[in-house]
Amino acid sequence: HPGDKRPRVAILAAERWVRGKATLDEVRAAA
């Protein structure tokens, strides 16, 4: 699925949450 970055964006959001740089709402939207 070239060009579909949604899974990558979800992973990045979760990683940001781990570091305290994203909210759970942001992670839930990406997920």
PDB file of all heavy atoms in Angstrom:
ATOM      1  N   HIS A   1       0.850  -1.196   0.000  1.00  0.00           N
ATOM      2  CA  HIS A   1       0.000   0.000   0.000  1.00  0.00           C
ATOM      3  C   HIS A   1       0.884   1.244   0.000  1.00  0.00           C
ATOM      4  O   HIS A   1       0.892   2.008   0.981  1.00  0.00           O
ATOM      5  CB  HIS A   1      -0.925  -0.003   1.220  1.00  0.00           C
ATOM      6  CG  HIS A   1      -1.715  -1.257   1.349  1.00  0.00           C
ATOM      7  ND1 HIS A   1      -2.841  -1.492   0.616  1.00  0.00           N
ATOM      8  CD2 HIS A   1      -1.510  -2.366   2.098  1.00  0.00           C
ATOM      9  CE1 HIS A   1      -3.309  -2.690   0.921  1.00  0.00           C
ATOM     10  NE2 HIS A   1      -2.523  -3.241   1.813  1.00  0.00           N
ATOM     11  N   PRO A   2       1.608   1.452  -1.094  1.00  0.00           N
ATOM     12  CA  PRO A   2       2.514   2.612  -1.122  1.00  0.00           C
ATOM     13  C   PRO A   2       1.742   3.913  -0.928  1.00  0.00           C
ATOM     14  O   PRO A   2       0.653   4.092  -1.455  1.00  0.00           O
ATOM     15  CB  PRO A   2       3.163   2.541  -2.503  1.00  0.00           C
ATOM     16  CG  PRO A   2       2.403   1.521  -3.271  1.00  0.00           C
ATOM     17  CD  PRO A   2       1.585   0.709  -2.327  1.00  0.00           C
ATOM     18  N   GLY A   3       2.315   4.769  -0.140  1.00  0.00           N
ATOM     19  CA  GLY A   3       1.693   6.062   0.103  1.00  0.00           C
ATOM     20  C   GLY A   3       0.741   6.086   1.288  1.00  0.00           C
ATOM     21  O   GLY A   3       0.386   7.161   1.767  1.00  0.00           O
ATOM     22  N   ASP A   4       0.289   4.925   1.763  1.00  0.00           N
ATOM     23  CA  ASP A   4      -0.614   4.896   2.911  1.00  0.00           C
ATOM     24  C   ASP A   4       0.226   4.870   4.184  1.00  0.00           C
ATOM     25  O   ASP A   4       0.810   3.856   4.535  1.00  0.00           O
ATOM     26  CB  ASP A   4      -1.519   3.669   2.855  1.00  0.00           C
ATOM     27  CG  ASP A   4      -2.588   3.684   3.943  1.00  0.00           C
ATOM     28  OD1 ASP A   4      -2.529   4.561   4.840  1.00  0.00           O
ATOM     29  OD2 ASP A   4      -3.474   2.819   3.912  1.00  0.00           O
ATOM     30  N   LYS A   5       0.288   5.981   4.840  1.00  0.00           N
ATOM     31  CA  LYS A   5       1.138   6.132   6.028  1.00  0.00           C
ATOM     32  C   LYS A   5       0.353   6.023   7.333  1.00  0.00           C
ATOM     33  O   LYS A   5       0.904   6.269   8.408  1.00  0.00           O
ATOM     34  CB  LYS A   5       1.873   7.479   5.978  1.00  0.00           C
ATOM     35  CG  LYS A   5       2.766   7.638   4.767  1.00  0.00           C
ATOM     36  CD  LYS A   5       3.877   6.601   4.765  1.00  0.00           C
ATOM     37  CE  LYS A   5       4.797   6.790   3.578  1.00  0.00           C
ATOM     38  NZ  LYS A   5       5.646   5.648   3.352  1.00  0.00           N
ATOM     39  N   ARG A   6      -0.928   5.668   7.272  1.00  0.00           N
ATOM     40  CA  ARG A   6      -1.731   5.630   8.497  1.00  0.00           C
ATOM     41  C   ARG A   6      -1.163   4.703   9.574  1.00  0.00           C
ATOM     42  O   ARG A   6      -1.065   5.112  10.739  1.00  0.00           O
ATOM     43  CB  ARG A   6      -3.186   5.274   8.176  1.00  0.00           C
ATOM     44  CG  ARG A   6      -3.876   6.385   7.394  1.00  0.00           C
ATOM     45  CD  ARG A   6      -5.266   6.008   6.976  1.00  0.00           C
ATOM     46  NE  ARG A   6      -5.202   4.978   5.943  1.00  0.00           N
ATOM     47  CZ  ARG A   6      -6.267   4.476   5.337  1.00  0.00           C
ATOM     48  NH1 ARG A   6      -7.475   4.900   5.661  1.00  0.00           N
ATOM     49  NH2 ARG A   6      -6.132   3.559   4.389  1.00  0.00           N
ATOM     50  N   PRO A   7      -0.741   3.480   9.238  1.00  0.00           N
ATOM     51  CA  PRO A   7      -0.142   2.647  10.291  1.00  0.00           C
ATOM     52  C   PRO A   7       1.135   3.268  10.870  1.00  0.00           C
ATOM     53  O   PRO A   7       1.338   3.257  12.090  1.00  0.00           O
ATOM     54  CB  PRO A   7       0.150   1.321   9.582  1.00  0.00           C
ATOM     55  CG  PRO A   7      -0.854   1.279   8.468  1.00  0.00           C
ATOM     56  CD  PRO A   7      -0.966   2.710   8.008  1.00  0.00           C
ATOM     57  N   ARG A   8       1.979   3.840  10.026  1.00  0.00           N
ATOM     58  CA  ARG A   8       3.209   4.484  10.505  1.00  0.00           C
ATOM     59  C   ARG A   8       2.872   5.666  11.419  1.00  0.00           C
ATOM     60  O   ARG A   8       3.490   5.855  12.472  1.00  0.00           O
ATOM     61  CB  ARG A   8       4.059   4.948   9.327  1.00  0.00           C
ATOM     62  CG  ARG A   8       5.371   5.601   9.748  1.00  0.00           C
ATOM     63  CD  ARG A   8       6.244   5.922   8.557  1.00  0.00           C
ATOM     64  NE  ARG A   8       6.672   4.741   7.835  1.00  0.00           N
ATOM     65  CZ  ARG A   8       7.716   3.975   8.198  1.00  0.00           C
ATOM     66  NH1 ARG A   8       8.421   4.297   9.265  1.00  0.00           N
ATOM     67  NH2 ARG A   8       8.043   2.923   7.486  1.00  0.00           N
ATOM     68  N   VAL A   9       1.865   6.450  11.035  1.00  0.00           N
ATOM     69  CA  VAL A   9       1.460   7.601  11.845  1.00  0.00           C
ATOM     70  C   VAL A   9       0.947   7.130  13.213  1.00  0.00           C
ATOM     71  O   VAL A   9       1.237   7.747  14.245  1.00  0.00           O
ATOM     72  CB  VAL A   9       0.407   8.447  11.095  1.00  0.00           C
ATOM     73  CG1 VAL A   9      -0.250   9.469  12.003  1.00  0.00           C
ATOM     74  CG2 VAL A   9       1.051   9.122   9.888  1.00  0.00           C
ATOM     75  N   ALA A  10       0.216   6.016  13.239  1.00  0.00           N
ATOM     76  CA  ALA A  10      -0.295   5.486  14.507  1.00  0.00           C
ATOM     77  C   ALA A  10       0.855   5.041  15.409  1.00  0.00           C
ATOM     78  O   ALA A  10       0.847   5.315  16.621  1.00  0.00           O
ATOM     79  CB  ALA A  10      -1.242   4.320  14.252  1.00  0.00           C
ATOM     80  N   ILE A  11       1.831   4.382  14.832  1.00  0.00           N
ATOM     81  CA  ILE A  11       2.986   3.949  15.618  1.00  0.00           C
ATOM     82  C   ILE A  11       3.742   5.159  16.157  1.00  0.00           C
ATOM     83  O   ILE A  11       4.104   5.204  17.339  1.00  0.00           O
ATOM     84  CB  ILE A  11       3.907   3.035  14.786  1.00  0.00           C
ATOM     85  CG1 ILE A  11       3.187   1.720  14.470  1.00  0.00           C
ATOM     86  CG2 ILE A  11       5.220   2.769  15.506  1.00  0.00           C
ATOM     87  CD1 ILE A  11       3.871   0.875  13.412  1.00  0.00           C
ATOM     88  N   LEU A  12       3.958   6.140  15.299  1.00  0.00           N
ATOM     89  CA  LEU A  12       4.669   7.351  15.738  1.00  0.00           C
ATOM     90  C   LEU A  12       3.906   8.063  16.853  1.00  0.00           C
ATOM     91  O   LEU A  12       4.512   8.547  17.818  1.00  0.00           O
ATOM     92  CB  LEU A  12       4.889   8.293  14.555  1.00  0.00           C
ATOM     93  CG  LEU A  12       5.917   7.818  13.523  1.00  0.00           C
ATOM     94  CD1 LEU A  12       5.856   8.698  12.278  1.00  0.00           C
ATOM     95  CD2 LEU A  12       7.308   7.809  14.119  1.00  0.00           C
ATOM     96  N   ALA A  13       2.579   8.109  16.747  1.00  0.00           N
ATOM     97  CA  ALA A  13       1.773   8.759  17.788  1.00  0.00           C
ATOM     98  C   ALA A  13       1.906   8.004  19.110  1.00  0.00           C
ATOM     99  O   ALA A  13       2.059   8.624  20.173  1.00  0.00           O
ATOM    100  CB  ALA A  13       0.309   8.840  17.357  1.00  0.00           C
ATOM    101  N   ALA A  14       1.859   6.688  19.053  1.00  0.00           N
ATOM    102  CA  ALA A  14       2.000   5.897  20.276  1.00  0.00           C
ATOM    103  C   ALA A  14       3.392   6.079  20.882  1.00  0.00           C
ATOM    104  O   ALA A  14       3.533   6.198  22.107  1.00  0.00           O
ATOM    105  CB  ALA A  14       1.735   4.423  19.976  1.00  0.00           C
ATOM    106  N   GLU A  15       4.410   6.127  20.036  1.00  0.00           N
ATOM    107  CA  GLU A  15       5.768   6.358  20.535  1.00  0.00           C
ATOM    108  C   GLU A  15       5.900   7.745  21.165  1.00  0.00           C
ATOM    109  O   GLU A  15       6.579   7.906  22.186  1.00  0.00           O
ATOM    110  CB  GLU A  15       6.787   6.156  19.410  1.00  0.00           C
ATOM    111  CG  GLU A  15       6.911   4.700  18.993  1.00  0.00           C
ATOM    112  CD  GLU A  15       7.717   4.486  17.724  1.00  0.00           C
ATOM    113  OE1 GLU A  15       7.856   5.439  16.912  1.00  0.00           O
ATOM    114  OE2 GLU A  15       8.203   3.364  17.530  1.00  0.00           O
ATOM    115  N   ARG A  16       5.229   8.732  20.586  1.00  0.00           N
ATOM    116  CA  ARG A  16       5.246  10.076  21.178  1.00  0.00           C
ATOM    117  C   ARG A  16       4.540  10.058  22.538  1.00  0.00           C
ATOM    118  O   ARG A  16       4.976  10.716  23.486  1.00  0.00           O
ATOM    119  CB  ARG A  16       4.597  11.095  20.236  1.00  0.00           C
ATOM    120  CG  ARG A  16       5.492  11.508  19.095  1.00  0.00           C
ATOM    121  CD  ARG A  16       5.012  12.757  18.358  1.00  0.00           C
ATOM    122  NE  ARG A  16       3.594  12.804  18.083  1.00  0.00           N
ATOM    123  CZ  ARG A  16       2.981  12.229  17.034  1.00  0.00           C
ATOM    124  NH1 ARG A  16       3.670  11.580  16.137  1.00  0.00           N
ATOM    125  NH2 ARG A  16       1.683  12.335  16.882  1.00  0.00           N
ATOM    126  N   TRP A  17       3.445   9.294  22.640  1.00  0.00           N
ATOM    127  CA  TRP A  17       2.728   9.187  23.913  1.00  0.00           C
ATOM    128  C   TRP A  17       3.640   8.598  25.001  1.00  0.00           C
ATOM    129  O   TRP A  17       3.665   9.090  26.132  1.00  0.00           O
ATOM    130  CB  TRP A  17       1.461   8.343  23.747  1.00  0.00           C
ATOM    131  CG  TRP A  17       0.741   8.143  25.046  1.00  0.00           C
ATOM    132  CD1 TRP A  17      -0.091   9.022  25.667  1.00  0.00           C
ATOM    133  CD2 TRP A  17       0.827   6.997  25.887  1.00  0.00           C
ATOM    134  NE1 TRP A  17      -0.535   8.484  26.848  1.00  0.00           N
ATOM    135  CE2 TRP A  17       0.008   7.250  27.009  1.00  0.00           C
ATOM    136  CE3 TRP A  17       1.496   5.782  25.804  1.00  0.00           C
ATOM    137  CZ2 TRP A  17      -0.149   6.326  28.038  1.00  0.00           C
ATOM    138  CZ3 TRP A  17       1.351   4.863  26.833  1.00  0.00           C
ATOM    139  CH2 TRP A  17       0.526   5.139  27.939  1.00  0.00           C
ATOM    140  N   VAL A  18       4.395   7.577  24.627  1.00  0.00           N
ATOM    141  CA  VAL A  18       5.321   6.959  25.583  1.00  0.00           C
ATOM    142  C   VAL A  18       6.301   7.999  26.133  1.00  0.00           C
ATOM    143  O   VAL A  18       6.633   8.004  27.309  1.00  0.00           O
ATOM    144  CB  VAL A  18       6.075   5.770  24.941  1.00  0.00           C
ATOM    145  CG1 VAL A  18       7.248   5.315  25.783  1.00  0.00           C
ATOM    146  CG2 VAL A  18       5.121   4.613  24.673  1.00  0.00           C
ATOM    147  N   ARG A  19       6.734   8.917  25.267  1.00  0.00           N
ATOM    148  CA  ARG A  19       7.693   9.955  25.668  1.00  0.00           C
ATOM    149  C   ARG A  19       7.006  11.182  26.280  1.00  0.00           C
ATOM    150  O   ARG A  19       7.670  12.171  26.584  1.00  0.00           O
ATOM    151  CB  ARG A  19       8.530  10.388  24.456  1.00  0.00           C
ATOM    152  CG  ARG A  19       9.435   9.294  23.922  1.00  0.00           C
ATOM    153  CD  ARG A  19      10.392   9.811  22.849  1.00  0.00           C
ATOM    154  NE  ARG A  19       9.769  10.608  21.809  1.00  0.00           N
ATOM    155  CZ  ARG A  19       9.252  10.125  20.679  1.00  0.00           C
ATOM    156  NH1 ARG A  19       9.281   8.822  20.430  1.00  0.00           N
ATOM    157  NH2 ARG A  19       8.716  10.939  19.782  1.00  0.00           N
ATOM    158  N   GLY A  20       5.676  11.135  26.419  1.00  0.00           N
ATOM    159  CA  GLY A  20       4.956  12.261  26.999  1.00  0.00           C
ATOM    160  C   GLY A  20       4.735  13.406  26.029  1.00  0.00           C
ATOM    161  O   GLY A  20       4.469  14.531  26.444  1.00  0.00           O
ATOM    162  N   LYS A  21       4.810  13.132  24.723  1.00  0.00           N
ATOM    163  CA  LYS A  21       4.709  14.183  23.706  1.00  0.00           C
ATOM    164  C   LYS A  21       3.406  14.121  22.913  1.00  0.00           C
ATOM    165  O   LYS A  21       3.233  14.848  21.953  1.00  0.00           O
ATOM    166  CB  LYS A  21       5.881  14.071  22.718  1.00  0.00           C
ATOM    167  CG  LYS A  21       7.243  14.092  23.358  1.00  0.00           C
ATOM    168  CD  LYS A  21       7.626  15.475  23.771  1.00  0.00           C
ATOM    169  CE  LYS A  21       9.048  15.479  24.302  1.00  0.00           C
ATOM    170  NZ  LYS A  21       9.453  16.729  24.824  1.00  0.00           N
ATOM    171  N   ALA A  22       2.483  13.242  23.291  1.00  0.00           N
ATOM    172  CA  ALA A  22       1.189  13.145  22.599  1.00  0.00           C
ATOM    173  C   ALA A  22       0.122  12.797  23.629  1.00  0.00           C
ATOM    174  O   ALA A  22       0.407  12.168  24.650  1.00  0.00           O
ATOM    175  CB  ALA A  22       1.231  12.083  21.502  1.00  0.00           C
ATOM    176  N   THR A  23      -1.105  13.203  23.332  1.00  0.00           N
ATOM    177  CA  THR A  23      -2.221  12.872  24.213  1.00  0.00           C
ATOM    178  C   THR A  23      -2.826  11.536  23.796  1.00  0.00           C
ATOM    179  O   THR A  23      -2.625  11.064  22.672  1.00  0.00           O
ATOM    180  CB  THR A  23      -3.316  13.947  24.133  1.00  0.00           C
ATOM    181  OG1 THR A  23      -3.900  13.902  22.819  1.00  0.00           O
ATOM    182  CG2 THR A  23      -2.757  15.340  24.425  1.00  0.00           C
ATOM    183  N   LEU A  24      -3.594  10.967  24.696  1.00  0.00           N
ATOM    184  CA  LEU A  24      -4.288   9.724  24.347  1.00  0.00           C
ATOM    185  C   LEU A  24      -5.289   9.951  23.223  1.00  0.00           C
ATOM    186  O   LEU A  24      -5.493   9.071  22.393  1.00  0.00           O
ATOM    187  CB  LEU A  24      -4.984   9.135  25.573  1.00  0.00           C
ATOM    188  CG  LEU A  24      -4.089   8.354  26.522  1.00  0.00           C
ATOM    189  CD1 LEU A  24      -4.876   7.872  27.731  1.00  0.00           C
ATOM    190  CD2 LEU A  24      -3.431   7.187  25.822  1.00  0.00           C
ATOM    191  N   ASP A  25      -5.895  11.130  23.173  1.00  0.00           N
ATOM    192  CA  ASP A  25      -6.825  11.425  22.078  1.00  0.00           C
ATOM    193  C   ASP A  25      -6.106  11.399  20.732  1.00  0.00           C
ATOM    194  O   ASP A  25      -6.642  10.898  19.742  1.00  0.00           O
ATOM    195  CB  ASP A  25      -7.504  12.781  22.284  1.00  0.00           C
ATOM    196  CG  ASP A  25      -8.579  12.726  23.363  1.00  0.00           C
ATOM    197  OD1 ASP A  25      -9.038  11.608  23.695  1.00  0.00           O
ATOM    198  OD2 ASP A  25      -8.952  13.795  23.872  1.00  0.00           O
ATOM    199  N   GLU A  26      -4.891  11.933  20.690  1.00  0.00           N
ATOM    200  CA  GLU A  26      -4.108  11.896  19.443  1.00  0.00           C
ATOM    201  C   GLU A  26      -3.776  10.452  19.054  1.00  0.00           C
ATOM    202  O   GLU A  26      -3.875  10.089  17.881  1.00  0.00           O
ATOM    203  CB  GLU A  26      -2.817  12.708  19.602  1.00  0.00           C
ATOM    204  CG  GLU A  26      -3.059  14.202  19.705  1.00  0.00           C
ATOM    205  CD  GLU A  26      -1.821  14.973  20.119  1.00  0.00           C
ATOM    206  OE1 GLU A  26      -1.040  14.490  20.971  1.00  0.00           O
ATOM    207  OE2 GLU A  26      -1.643  16.077  19.578  1.00  0.00           O
ATOM    208  N   VAL A  27      -3.419   9.667  20.046  1.00  0.00           N
ATOM    209  CA  VAL A  27      -3.090   8.266  19.774  1.00  0.00           C
ATOM    210  C   VAL A  27      -4.338   7.519  19.305  1.00  0.00           C
ATOM    211  O   VAL A  27      -4.284   6.744  18.339  1.00  0.00           O
ATOM    212  CB  VAL A  27      -2.484   7.595  21.025  1.00  0.00           C
ATOM    213  CG1 VAL A  27      -2.302   6.105  20.809  1.00  0.00           C
ATOM    214  CG2 VAL A  27      -1.161   8.254  21.381  1.00  0.00           C
ATOM    215  N   ARG A  28      -5.458   7.762  19.947  1.00  0.00           N
ATOM    216  CA  ARG A  28      -6.704   7.077  19.558  1.00  0.00           C
ATOM    217  C   ARG A  28      -7.122   7.439  18.132  1.00  0.00           C
ATOM    218  O   ARG A  28      -7.564   6.581  17.369  1.00  0.00           O
ATOM    219  CB  ARG A  28      -7.812   7.423  20.543  1.00  0.00           C
ATOM    220  CG  ARG A  28      -7.637   6.737  21.878  1.00  0.00           C
ATOM    221  CD  ARG A  28      -8.789   7.060  22.827  1.00  0.00           C
ATOM    222  NE  ARG A  28      -8.534   6.452  24.117  1.00  0.00           N
ATOM    223  CZ  ARG A  28      -8.432   7.120  25.254  1.00  0.00           C
ATOM    224  NH1 ARG A  28      -8.601   8.430  25.278  1.00  0.00           N
ATOM    225  NH2 ARG A  28      -8.198   6.495  26.373  1.00  0.00           N
ATOM    226  N   ALA A  29      -6.971   8.696  17.759  1.00  0.00           N
ATOM    227  CA  ALA A  29      -7.324   9.121  16.395  1.00  0.00           C
ATOM    228  C   ALA A  29      -6.419   8.436  15.372  1.00  0.00           C
ATOM    229  O   ALA A  29      -6.889   7.942  14.342  1.00  0.00           O
ATOM    230  CB  ALA A  29      -7.225  10.644  16.263  1.00  0.00           C
ATOM    231  N   ALA A  30      -5.130   8.386  15.659  1.00  0.00           N
ATOM    232  CA  ALA A  30      -4.197   7.723  14.744  1.00  0.00           C
ATOM    233  C   ALA A  30      -4.477   6.231  14.687  1.00  0.00           C
ATOM    234  O   ALA A  30      -4.416   5.615  13.612  1.00  0.00           O
ATOM    235  CB  ALA A  30      -2.759   7.990  15.185  1.00  0.00           C
ATOM    236  N   ALA A  31      -4.803   5.638  15.826  1.00  0.00           N
ATOM    237  CA  ALA A  31      -5.106   4.200  15.852  1.00  0.00           C
ATOM    238  C   ALA A  31      -6.365   3.890  15.055  1.00  0.00           C
ATOM    239  O   ALA A  31      -6.431   2.884  14.344  1.00  0.00           O
ATOM    240  CB  ALA A  31      -5.251   3.728  17.292  1.00  0.00           C
TER     241      ALA A  31
END
